Amino acid sequence: MRSPIRAYPGTLARLSALDQLAEPLAGAIARLFGGGTVKEVVSGTWLGHPAHPMLTDVTIGSWTSALLLDVLGGRRGRRAADRLIALGVLSAIPTAATGLSDWADTTGTTRRVGMVHGMGNTAALMTFAASWLARKRGARLKGTALGLLGMGIGTATAYLGGHLVYERGVGVNVTAFETPPSEWTAVAEEAQLAEGQPISVTAGPVEVLLVRSDGQIHAIADRCSHLGGPLHQGSFQDATVTCPWHGSVFSLETGELVSGPARTPQPRYETRVNEGRVEIRPVTEA
């Protein structure tokens, strides 16, 4: 079924004019957050999943509850409604920061849709801030009307947020659905593996990074769990690999995440040499 609503994100994705603003803005945001602790905090590396979706629940929940009190709470609910509007406005600041960080890592048509998502959220935030000011000045009806308008804008942009996650995979562990063969599988000749020279091989449908380090052969998923960067093109140091796209660092031995912005480790594989060929199979975690 092709409805106008379903076509909405696709229409935005084709608006190449958005690139004129999106590209320099994304670059500025990337420089602002850098690649260290600040980036890890706003990315949700410490949580094990993106921080942005969790924070949106606070903002949207506060505004939704406020509007319900406006409609159903009568005079007794006014003070609580006003406080909830204020809470939503304040919580929108860290919510926006985490969303901007995630958006700056995207590219192409996904970045365009995310650009409109952010612009809509900014408009919703400004509308709710105006609603709070109107309430403080005693213009209750105007404040309620502005709140309803802000919720309408926020709902439209929330739809785009869902599209970015569930259709475009922003914030999703890209290795989650990889299904390598469960048995030992030959993937390369041992002679192909020179010390410290990584190669990308395939095990069934899955791309795997192979590298010999200190005489041992390590194997982890080649696609970075963050946004799919090719790890075999990254930099290697102290038994770790750094993603060439966004700088996430993983242990070659265990696949564990050393530093973000990734939030999840890389799937790892056992290795062995059998008759001159390197074989791998997934590690079954306890």
C-alpha atoms as a PDB file:
ATOM      1  CA  MET A   1       0.000   0.000   0.000  1.00  0.00           C
ATOM      2  CA  ARG A   2       1.385   3.368  -1.045  1.00  0.00           C
ATOM      3  CA  SER A   3      -0.117   6.185   1.030  1.00  0.00           C
ATOM      4  CA  PRO A   4       0.823   9.885   1.034  1.00  0.00           C
ATOM      5  CA  ILE A   5       2.175   9.459   4.554  1.00  0.00           C
ATOM      6  CA  ARG A   6       4.532   6.656   3.502  1.00  0.00           C
ATOM      7  CA  ALA A   7       5.736   8.757   0.564  1.00  0.00           C
ATOM      8  CA  TYR A   8       6.537  11.709   2.823  1.00  0.00           C
ATOM      9  CA  PRO A   9      10.114  10.678   3.849  1.00  0.00           C
ATOM     10  CA  GLY A  10      10.984   9.685   0.297  1.00  0.00           C
ATOM     11  CA  THR A  11       9.978  13.114  -0.965  1.00  0.00           C
ATOM     12  CA  LEU A  12      12.247  14.765   1.593  1.00  0.00           C
ATOM     13  CA  ALA A  13      15.113  12.419   0.694  1.00  0.00           C
ATOM     14  CA  ARG A  14      15.052  13.723  -2.882  1.00  0.00           C
ATOM     15  CA  LEU A  15      15.415  17.377  -1.844  1.00  0.00           C
ATOM     16  CA  SER A  16      19.065  17.867  -2.751  1.00  0.00           C
ATOM     17  CA  ALA A  17      18.782  21.579  -1.874  1.00  0.00           C
ATOM     18  CA  LEU A  18      18.881  20.515   1.785  1.00  0.00           C
ATOM     19  CA  ASP A  19      22.530  19.513   1.310  1.00  0.00           C
ATOM     20  CA  GLN A  20      23.601  23.161   1.121  1.00  0.00           C
ATOM     21  CA  LEU A  21      22.720  23.577   4.795  1.00  0.00           C
ATOM     22  CA  ALA A  22      23.032  19.982   6.010  1.00  0.00           C
ATOM     23  CA  GLU A  23      26.628  19.381   4.946  1.00  0.00           C
ATOM     24  CA  PRO A  24      28.301  22.381   6.659  1.00  0.00           C
ATOM     25  CA  LEU A  25      26.047  22.018   9.703  1.00  0.00           C
ATOM     26  CA  ALA A  26      26.916  18.338  10.130  1.00  0.00           C
ATOM     27  CA  GLY A  27      30.602  19.192   9.850  1.00  0.00           C
ATOM     28  CA  ALA A  28      30.299  21.868  12.520  1.00  0.00           C
ATOM     29  CA  ILE A  29      28.467  19.501  14.871  1.00  0.00           C
ATOM     30  CA  ALA A  30      31.061  16.780  14.327  1.00  0.00           C
ATOM     31  CA  ARG A  31      33.796  19.230  15.260  1.00  0.00           C
ATOM     32  CA  LEU A  32      31.833  20.432  18.291  1.00  0.00           C
ATOM     33  CA  PHE A  33      31.432  16.983  19.805  1.00  0.00           C
ATOM     34  CA  GLY A  34      34.810  15.734  18.633  1.00  0.00           C
ATOM     35  CA  GLY A  35      35.748  12.088  18.966  1.00  0.00           C
ATOM     36  CA  GLY A  36      36.455  11.691  22.681  1.00  0.00           C
ATOM     37  CA  THR A  37      34.515  11.479  25.918  1.00  0.00           C
ATOM     38  CA  VAL A  38      31.910  14.096  24.954  1.00  0.00           C
ATOM     39  CA  LYS A  39      31.053  12.190  21.787  1.00  0.00           C
ATOM     40  CA  GLU A  40      30.764   8.945  23.733  1.00  0.00           C
ATOM     41  CA  VAL A  41      28.446  10.553  26.292  1.00  0.00           C
ATOM     42  CA  VAL A  42      26.033  12.022  23.734  1.00  0.00           C
ATOM     43  CA  SER A  43      26.196   8.883  21.583  1.00  0.00           C
ATOM     44  CA  GLY A  44      25.197   6.599  24.472  1.00  0.00           C
ATOM     45  CA  THR A  45      28.348   4.453  24.399  1.00  0.00           C
ATOM     46  CA  TRP A  46      28.133   4.240  28.198  1.00  0.00           C
ATOM     47  CA  LEU A  47      24.512   3.016  27.957  1.00  0.00           C
ATOM     48  CA  GLY A  48      25.041   0.322  25.378  1.00  0.00           C
ATOM     49  CA  HIS A  49      22.458   1.890  23.078  1.00  0.00           C
ATOM     50  CA  PRO A  50      21.698   5.394  21.722  1.00  0.00           C
ATOM     51  CA  ALA A  51      20.850   7.993  24.375  1.00  0.00           C
ATOM     52  CA  HIS A  52      18.551   9.978  22.097  1.00  0.00           C
ATOM     53  CA  PRO A  53      15.450   7.693  22.061  1.00  0.00           C
ATOM     54  CA  MET A  54      15.382   7.440  25.857  1.00  0.00           C
ATOM     55  CA  LEU A  55      15.500  11.211  26.250  1.00  0.00           C
ATOM     56  CA  THR A  56      12.732  11.781  23.708  1.00  0.00           C
ATOM     57  CA  ASP A  57      10.397   9.864  26.027  1.00  0.00           C
ATOM     58  CA  VAL A  58      10.941  12.493  28.722  1.00  0.00           C
ATOM     59  CA  THR A  59      10.244  15.403  26.386  1.00  0.00           C
ATOM     60  CA  ILE A  60       7.272  13.930  24.554  1.00  0.00           C
ATOM     61  CA  GLY A  61       5.839  12.423  27.731  1.00  0.00           C
ATOM     62  CA  SER A  62       5.985  15.766  29.547  1.00  0.00           C
ATOM     63  CA  TRP A  63       4.268  17.667  26.757  1.00  0.00           C
ATOM     64  CA  THR A  64       1.641  14.998  26.200  1.00  0.00           C
ATOM     65  CA  SER A  65       0.814  14.862  29.903  1.00  0.00           C
ATOM     66  CA  ALA A  66       0.581  18.653  30.032  1.00  0.00           C
ATOM     67  CA  LEU A  67      -1.926  18.773  27.199  1.00  0.00           C
ATOM     68  CA  LEU A  68      -4.017  16.047  28.798  1.00  0.00           C
ATOM     69  CA  LEU A  69      -4.156  18.124  31.962  1.00  0.00           C
ATOM     70  CA  ASP A  70      -5.108  21.185  29.889  1.00  0.00           C
ATOM     71  CA  VAL A  71      -8.072  19.295  28.455  1.00  0.00           C
ATOM     72  CA  LEU A  72      -9.110  17.103  31.387  1.00  0.00           C
ATOM     73  CA  GLY A  73      -7.490  18.565  34.495  1.00  0.00           C
ATOM     74  CA  GLY A  74      -9.585  21.701  34.939  1.00  0.00           C
ATOM     75  CA  ARG A  75      -8.312  24.564  37.071  1.00  0.00           C
ATOM     76  CA  ARG A  76      -6.641  22.174  39.527  1.00  0.00           C
ATOM     77  CA  GLY A  77      -4.409  20.797  36.801  1.00  0.00           C
ATOM     78  CA  ARG A  78      -3.088  24.097  35.481  1.00  0.00           C
ATOM     79  CA  ARG A  79      -0.006  24.410  37.655  1.00  0.00           C
ATOM     80  CA  ALA A  80       1.064  20.830  36.938  1.00  0.00           C
ATOM     81  CA  ALA A  81       0.469  21.353  33.210  1.00  0.00           C
ATOM     82  CA  ASP A  82       2.643  24.464  33.193  1.00  0.00           C
ATOM     83  CA  ARG A  83       5.435  22.662  35.015  1.00  0.00           C
ATOM     84  CA  LEU A  84       5.276  19.766  32.592  1.00  0.00           C
ATOM     85  CA  ILE A  85       5.544  22.151  29.653  1.00  0.00           C
ATOM     86  CA  ALA A  86       8.650  23.649  31.263  1.00  0.00           C
ATOM     87  CA  LEU A  87      10.115  20.200  31.949  1.00  0.00           C
ATOM     88  CA  GLY A  88       9.613  19.243  28.321  1.00  0.00           C
ATOM     89  CA  VAL A  89      11.347  22.408  27.115  1.00  0.00           C
ATOM     90  CA  LEU A  90      14.324  21.864  29.435  1.00  0.00           C
ATOM     91  CA  SER A  91      14.665  18.161  28.608  1.00  0.00           C
ATOM     92  CA  ALA A  92      14.565  19.001  24.896  1.00  0.00           C
ATOM     93  CA  ILE A  93      18.054  20.527  25.182  1.00  0.00           C
ATOM     94  CA  PRO A  94      19.980  17.297  25.955  1.00  0.00           C
ATOM     95  CA  THR A  95      17.579  15.421  23.689  1.00  0.00           C
ATOM     96  CA  ALA A  96      18.507  17.705  20.806  1.00  0.00           C
ATOM     97  CA  ALA A  97      22.219  17.393  21.582  1.00  0.00           C
ATOM     98  CA  THR A  98      22.139  13.590  21.405  1.00  0.00           C
ATOM     99  CA  GLY A  99      20.035  13.672  18.247  1.00  0.00           C
ATOM    100  CA  LEU A 100      22.380  16.122  16.547  1.00  0.00           C
ATOM    101  CA  SER A 101      25.358  13.935  17.375  1.00  0.00           C
ATOM    102  CA  ASP A 102      23.708  10.880  15.807  1.00  0.00           C
ATOM    103  CA  TRP A 103      22.577  12.890  12.786  1.00  0.00           C
ATOM    104  CA  ALA A 104      26.047  14.292  12.108  1.00  0.00           C
ATOM    105  CA  ASP A 105      27.284  10.728  11.515  1.00  0.00           C
ATOM    106  CA  THR A 106      24.755  10.091   8.737  1.00  0.00           C
ATOM    107  CA  THR A 107      25.194  10.781   5.030  1.00  0.00           C
ATOM    108  CA  GLY A 108      23.246  11.258   1.811  1.00  0.00           C
ATOM    109  CA  THR A 109      19.474  10.965   1.747  1.00  0.00           C
ATOM    110  CA  THR A 110      19.355   9.860   5.388  1.00  0.00           C
ATOM    111  CA  ARG A 111      21.024  13.124   6.370  1.00  0.00           C
ATOM    112  CA  ARG A 112      18.400  15.074   4.398  1.00  0.00           C
ATOM    113  CA  VAL A 113      15.487  13.385   6.167  1.00  0.00           C
ATOM    114  CA  GLY A 114      17.253  13.870   9.498  1.00  0.00           C
ATOM    115  CA  MET A 115      17.711  17.540   8.696  1.00  0.00           C
ATOM    116  CA  VAL A 116      13.960  18.039   8.345  1.00  0.00           C
ATOM    117  CA  HIS A 117      13.377  15.945  11.470  1.00  0.00           C
ATOM    118  CA  GLY A 118      15.641  18.294  13.430  1.00  0.00           C
ATOM    119  CA  MET A 119      14.095  21.434  11.954  1.00  0.00           C
ATOM    120  CA  GLY A 120      10.629  20.194  12.873  1.00  0.00           C
ATOM    121  CA  ASN A 121      11.714  19.392  16.413  1.00  0.00           C
ATOM    122  CA  THR A 122      13.205  22.872  16.735  1.00  0.00           C
ATOM    123  CA  ALA A 123       9.903  24.373  15.616  1.00  0.00           C
ATOM    124  CA  ALA A 124       8.033  22.225  18.142  1.00  0.00           C
ATOM    125  CA  LEU A 125      10.415  23.300  20.910  1.00  0.00           C
ATOM    126  CA  MET A 126       9.970  26.988  20.087  1.00  0.00           C
ATOM    127  CA  THR A 127       6.197  26.563  19.990  1.00  0.00           C
ATOM    128  CA  PHE A 128       6.104  24.893  23.399  1.00  0.00           C
ATOM    129  CA  ALA A 129       8.413  27.580  24.811  1.00  0.00           C
ATOM    130  CA  ALA A 130       5.964  30.187  23.508  1.00  0.00           C
ATOM    131  CA  SER A 131       3.140  28.187  25.121  1.00  0.00           C
ATOM    132  CA  TRP A 132       4.900  28.348  28.480  1.00  0.00           C
ATOM    133  CA  LEU A 133       5.445  32.115  28.159  1.00  0.00           C
ATOM    134  CA  ALA A 134       1.792  32.645  27.276  1.00  0.00           C
ATOM    135  CA  ARG A 135       0.708  30.678  30.340  1.00  0.00           C
ATOM    136  CA  LYS A 136       3.008  32.725  32.594  1.00  0.00           C
ATOM    137  CA  ARG A 137       1.427  35.905  31.230  1.00  0.00           C
ATOM    138  CA  GLY A 138      -2.059  34.636  32.001  1.00  0.00           C
ATOM    139  CA  ALA A 139      -3.033  33.899  28.383  1.00  0.00           C
ATOM    140  CA  ARG A 140      -4.227  30.394  29.196  1.00  0.00           C
ATOM    141  CA  LEU A 141      -6.229  29.772  26.022  1.00  0.00           C
ATOM    142  CA  LYS A 142      -3.351  30.947  23.837  1.00  0.00           C
ATOM    143  CA  GLY A 143      -0.919  28.772  25.773  1.00  0.00           C
ATOM    144  CA  THR A 144      -3.107  25.715  25.306  1.00  0.00           C
ATOM    145  CA  ALA A 145      -3.545  26.419  21.605  1.00  0.00           C
ATOM    146  CA  LEU A 146       0.209  26.790  21.151  1.00  0.00           C
ATOM    147  CA  GLY A 147       0.721  23.527  23.016  1.00  0.00           C
ATOM    148  CA  LEU A 148      -1.666  21.731  20.675  1.00  0.00           C
ATOM    149  CA  LEU A 149       0.132  23.238  17.684  1.00  0.00           C
ATOM    150  CA  GLY A 150       3.506  22.158  19.081  1.00  0.00           C
ATOM    151  CA  MET A 151       2.204  18.635  19.592  1.00  0.00           C
ATOM    152  CA  GLY A 152       1.004  18.526  15.992  1.00  0.00           C
ATOM    153  CA  ILE A 153       4.437  19.588  14.733  1.00  0.00           C
ATOM    154  CA  GLY A 154       6.153  17.170  17.096  1.00  0.00           C
ATOM    155  CA  THR A 155       4.000  14.273  15.926  1.00  0.00           C
ATOM    156  CA  ALA A 156       4.924  14.885  12.287  1.00  0.00           C
ATOM    157  CA  THR A 157       8.625  15.043  13.094  1.00  0.00           C
ATOM    158  CA  ALA A 158       8.391  12.003  15.396  1.00  0.00           C
ATOM    159  CA  TYR A 159       7.148  10.068  12.375  1.00  0.00           C
ATOM    160  CA  LEU A 160      10.363  11.010  10.593  1.00  0.00           C
ATOM    161  CA  GLY A 161      12.327   9.892  13.642  1.00  0.00           C
ATOM    162  CA  GLY A 162      10.693   6.483  13.417  1.00  0.00           C
ATOM    163  CA  HIS A 163      11.532   6.348   9.719  1.00  0.00           C
ATOM    164  CA  LEU A 164      15.188   7.132  10.437  1.00  0.00           C
ATOM    165  CA  VAL A 165      15.454   4.296  12.952  1.00  0.00           C
ATOM    166  CA  TYR A 166      13.255   1.576  11.471  1.00  0.00           C
ATOM    167  CA  GLU A 167      13.709   2.234   7.765  1.00  0.00           C
ATOM    168  CA  ARG A 168      17.193   3.783   7.625  1.00  0.00           C
ATOM    169  CA  GLY A 169      18.759   1.974  10.591  1.00  0.00           C
ATOM    170  CA  VAL A 170      20.161   5.064  12.318  1.00  0.00           C
ATOM    171  CA  GLY A 171      21.355   4.013  15.777  1.00  0.00           C
ATOM    172  CA  VAL A 172      20.825   0.314  15.057  1.00  0.00           C
ATOM    173  CA  ASN A 173      23.574  -2.266  15.590  1.00  0.00           C
ATOM    174  CA  VAL A 174      24.241  -3.135  11.943  1.00  0.00           C
ATOM    175  CA  THR A 175      25.737  -6.527  12.866  1.00  0.00           C
ATOM    176  CA  ALA A 176      22.663  -7.676  14.798  1.00  0.00           C
ATOM    177  CA  PHE A 177      21.158  -9.662  11.943  1.00  0.00           C
ATOM    178  CA  GLU A 178      24.305 -11.146  10.443  1.00  0.00           C
ATOM    179  CA  THR A 179      24.026 -14.933  10.219  1.00  0.00           C
ATOM    180  CA  PRO A 180      27.401 -16.554   9.506  1.00  0.00           C
ATOM    181  CA  PRO A 181      27.741 -20.318   9.047  1.00  0.00           C
ATOM    182  CA  SER A 182      27.701 -22.104  12.409  1.00  0.00           C
ATOM    183  CA  GLU A 183      30.352 -24.673  11.442  1.00  0.00           C
ATOM    184  CA  TRP A 184      34.044 -24.235  10.706  1.00  0.00           C
ATOM    185  CA  THR A 185      34.282 -22.428   7.358  1.00  0.00           C
ATOM    186  CA  ALA A 186      37.398 -21.879   5.245  1.00  0.00           C
ATOM    187  CA  VAL A 187      37.778 -18.204   4.373  1.00  0.00           C
ATOM    188  CA  ALA A 188      41.397 -17.658   3.253  1.00  0.00           C
ATOM    189  CA  GLU A 189      44.764 -19.254   2.614  1.00  0.00           C
ATOM    190  CA  GLU A 190      47.110 -18.892   5.563  1.00  0.00           C
ATOM    191  CA  ALA A 191      49.767 -17.520   3.191  1.00  0.00           C
ATOM    192  CA  GLN A 192      47.518 -14.512   2.533  1.00  0.00           C
ATOM    193  CA  LEU A 193      47.886 -13.317   6.119  1.00  0.00           C
ATOM    194  CA  ALA A 194      51.059 -11.325   6.642  1.00  0.00           C
ATOM    195  CA  GLU A 195      51.747  -9.975  10.127  1.00  0.00           C
ATOM    196  CA  GLY A 196      49.695  -6.820  10.739  1.00  0.00           C
ATOM    197  CA  GLN A 197      48.147  -6.815   7.249  1.00  0.00           C
ATOM    198  CA  PRO A 198      44.348  -7.040   7.580  1.00  0.00           C
ATOM    199  CA  ILE A 199      42.125  -8.566   4.924  1.00  0.00           C
ATOM    200  CA  SER A 200      38.361  -8.729   4.480  1.00  0.00           C
ATOM    201  CA  VAL A 201      36.894 -12.172   3.765  1.00  0.00           C
ATOM    202  CA  THR A 202      33.408 -13.622   3.556  1.00  0.00           C
ATOM    203  CA  ALA A 203      31.872 -16.423   5.583  1.00  0.00           C
ATOM    204  CA  GLY A 204      28.625 -17.122   3.817  1.00  0.00           C
ATOM    205  CA  PRO A 205      26.842 -13.747   3.611  1.00  0.00           C
ATOM    206  CA  VAL A 206      28.957 -12.138   6.344  1.00  0.00           C
ATOM    207  CA  GLU A 207      32.040  -9.957   5.900  1.00  0.00           C
ATOM    208  CA  VAL A 208      34.817 -10.755   8.360  1.00  0.00           C
ATOM    209  CA  LEU A 209      38.033  -8.936   9.257  1.00  0.00           C
ATOM    210  CA  LEU A 210      41.067 -11.219   9.491  1.00  0.00           C
ATOM    211  CA  VAL A 211      44.382 -10.010  10.860  1.00  0.00           C
ATOM    212  CA  ARG A 212      47.494 -11.713  12.212  1.00  0.00           C
ATOM    213  CA  SER A 213      48.838  -9.944  15.299  1.00  0.00           C
ATOM    214  CA  ASP A 214      51.791 -11.223  17.345  1.00  0.00           C
ATOM    215  CA  GLY A 215      51.513 -14.542  15.549  1.00  0.00           C
ATOM    216  CA  GLN A 216      47.834 -15.027  16.386  1.00  0.00           C
ATOM    217  CA  ILE A 217      45.005 -14.840  13.850  1.00  0.00           C
ATOM    218  CA  HIS A 218      42.053 -12.722  14.975  1.00  0.00           C
ATOM    219  CA  ALA A 219      38.636 -12.533  13.342  1.00  0.00           C
ATOM    220  CA  ILE A 220      35.802 -10.094  14.055  1.00  0.00           C
ATOM    221  CA  ALA A 221      32.924  -8.733  11.987  1.00  0.00           C
ATOM    222  CA  ASP A 222      34.264  -6.354   9.359  1.00  0.00           C
ATOM    223  CA  ARG A 223      31.276  -3.994   9.322  1.00  0.00           C
ATOM    224  CA  CYS A 224      31.438  -1.587  12.265  1.00  0.00           C
ATOM    225  CA  SER A 225      28.404  -2.049  14.509  1.00  0.00           C
ATOM    226  CA  HIS A 226      27.921   1.729  14.580  1.00  0.00           C
ATOM    227  CA  LEU A 227      27.138   2.533  10.931  1.00  0.00           C
ATOM    228  CA  GLY A 228      28.828  -0.212   8.954  1.00  0.00           C
ATOM    229  CA  GLY A 229      32.284   1.247   8.332  1.00  0.00           C
ATOM    230  CA  PRO A 230      34.795  -1.210   6.779  1.00  0.00           C
ATOM    231  CA  LEU A 231      37.136  -2.049   9.642  1.00  0.00           C
ATOM    232  CA  HIS A 232      39.768  -3.622   7.397  1.00  0.00           C
ATOM    233  CA  GLN A 233      40.406  -0.112   6.063  1.00  0.00           C
ATOM    234  CA  GLY A 234      40.936   1.266   9.564  1.00  0.00           C
ATOM    235  CA  SER A 235      44.089   1.738  11.617  1.00  0.00           C
ATOM    236  CA  PHE A 236      45.595  -0.992  13.797  1.00  0.00           C
ATOM    237  CA  GLN A 237      47.515  -0.533  17.026  1.00  0.00           C
ATOM    238  CA  ASP A 238      48.021  -2.515  20.244  1.00  0.00           C
ATOM    239  CA  ALA A 239      45.707  -5.355  19.137  1.00  0.00           C
ATOM    240  CA  THR A 240      42.875  -2.914  18.376  1.00  0.00           C
ATOM    241  CA  VAL A 241      41.265  -1.579  15.218  1.00  0.00           C
ATOM    242  CA  THR A 242      39.902   1.944  14.754  1.00  0.00           C
ATOM    243  CA  CYS A 243      36.960   2.384  12.395  1.00  0.00           C
ATOM    244  CA  PRO A 244      37.900   4.648   9.456  1.00  0.00           C
ATOM    245  CA  TRP A 245      34.490   6.344   9.415  1.00  0.00           C
ATOM    246  CA  HIS A 246      33.780   7.584  12.934  1.00  0.00           C
ATOM    247  CA  GLY A 247      36.693   6.411  15.062  1.00  0.00           C
ATOM    248  CA  SER A 248      35.177   3.644  17.177  1.00  0.00           C
ATOM    249  CA  VAL A 249      37.871   1.339  18.586  1.00  0.00           C
ATOM    250  CA  PHE A 250      37.481  -2.425  19.047  1.00  0.00           C
ATOM    251  CA  SER A 251      39.655  -5.181  20.477  1.00  0.00           C
ATOM    252  CA  LEU A 252      40.862  -7.558  17.781  1.00  0.00           C
ATOM    253  CA  GLU A 253      41.053 -10.418  20.270  1.00  0.00           C
ATOM    254  CA  THR A 254      37.601 -10.141  21.836  1.00  0.00           C
ATOM    255  CA  GLY A 255      35.638  -7.726  19.651  1.00  0.00           C
ATOM    256  CA  GLU A 256      34.910  -5.668  22.746  1.00  0.00           C
ATOM    257  CA  LEU A 257      34.259  -1.959  22.374  1.00  0.00           C
ATOM    258  CA  VAL A 258      37.206   0.103  23.618  1.00  0.00           C
ATOM    259  CA  SER A 259      35.774   3.533  22.758  1.00  0.00           C
ATOM    260  CA  GLY A 260      32.800   4.920  20.849  1.00  0.00           C
ATOM    261  CA  PRO A 261      30.738   6.381  19.290  1.00  0.00           C
ATOM    262  CA  ALA A 262      29.733   2.731  18.709  1.00  0.00           C
ATOM    263  CA  ARG A 263      27.628   1.244  21.496  1.00  0.00           C
ATOM    264  CA  THR A 264      28.009  -2.495  20.948  1.00  0.00           C
ATOM    265  CA  PRO A 265      30.962  -4.843  20.439  1.00  0.00           C
ATOM    266  CA  GLN A 266      31.825  -6.612  17.199  1.00  0.00           C
ATOM    267  CA  PRO A 267      30.835 -10.264  16.756  1.00  0.00           C
ATOM    268  CA  ARG A 268      33.986 -12.354  17.040  1.00  0.00           C
ATOM    269  CA  TYR A 269      35.048 -15.680  15.602  1.00  0.00           C
ATOM    270  CA  GLU A 270      37.245 -18.560  16.582  1.00  0.00           C
ATOM    271  CA  THR A 271      40.061 -19.247  14.142  1.00  0.00           C
ATOM    272  CA  ARG A 272      42.167 -22.244  13.226  1.00  0.00           C
ATOM    273  CA  VAL A 273      44.480 -23.288  10.413  1.00  0.00           C
ATOM    274  CA  ASN A 274      43.557 -26.532   8.691  1.00  0.00           C
ATOM    275  CA  GLU A 275      45.756 -27.828   5.870  1.00  0.00           C
ATOM    276  CA  GLY A 276      47.045 -24.370   5.108  1.00  0.00           C
ATOM    277  CA  ARG A 277      43.639 -22.683   5.111  1.00  0.00           C
ATOM    278  CA  VAL A 278      42.239 -20.334   7.720  1.00  0.00           C
ATOM    279  CA  GLU A 279      38.880 -21.478   9.062  1.00  0.00           C
ATOM    280  CA  ILE A 280      36.514 -19.567  11.324  1.00  0.00           C
ATOM    281  CA  ARG A 281      33.302 -20.150  13.240  1.00  0.00           C
ATOM    282  CA  PRO A 282      31.240 -17.873  15.511  1.00  0.00           C
ATOM    283  CA  VAL A 283      32.122 -17.779  19.183  1.00  0.00           C
ATOM    284  CA  THR A 284      29.225 -18.984  21.313  1.00  0.00           C
ATOM    285  CA  GLU A 285      29.034 -16.646  24.276  1.00  0.00           C
ATOM    286  CA  ALA A 286      28.113 -18.105  27.657  1.00  0.00           C
END
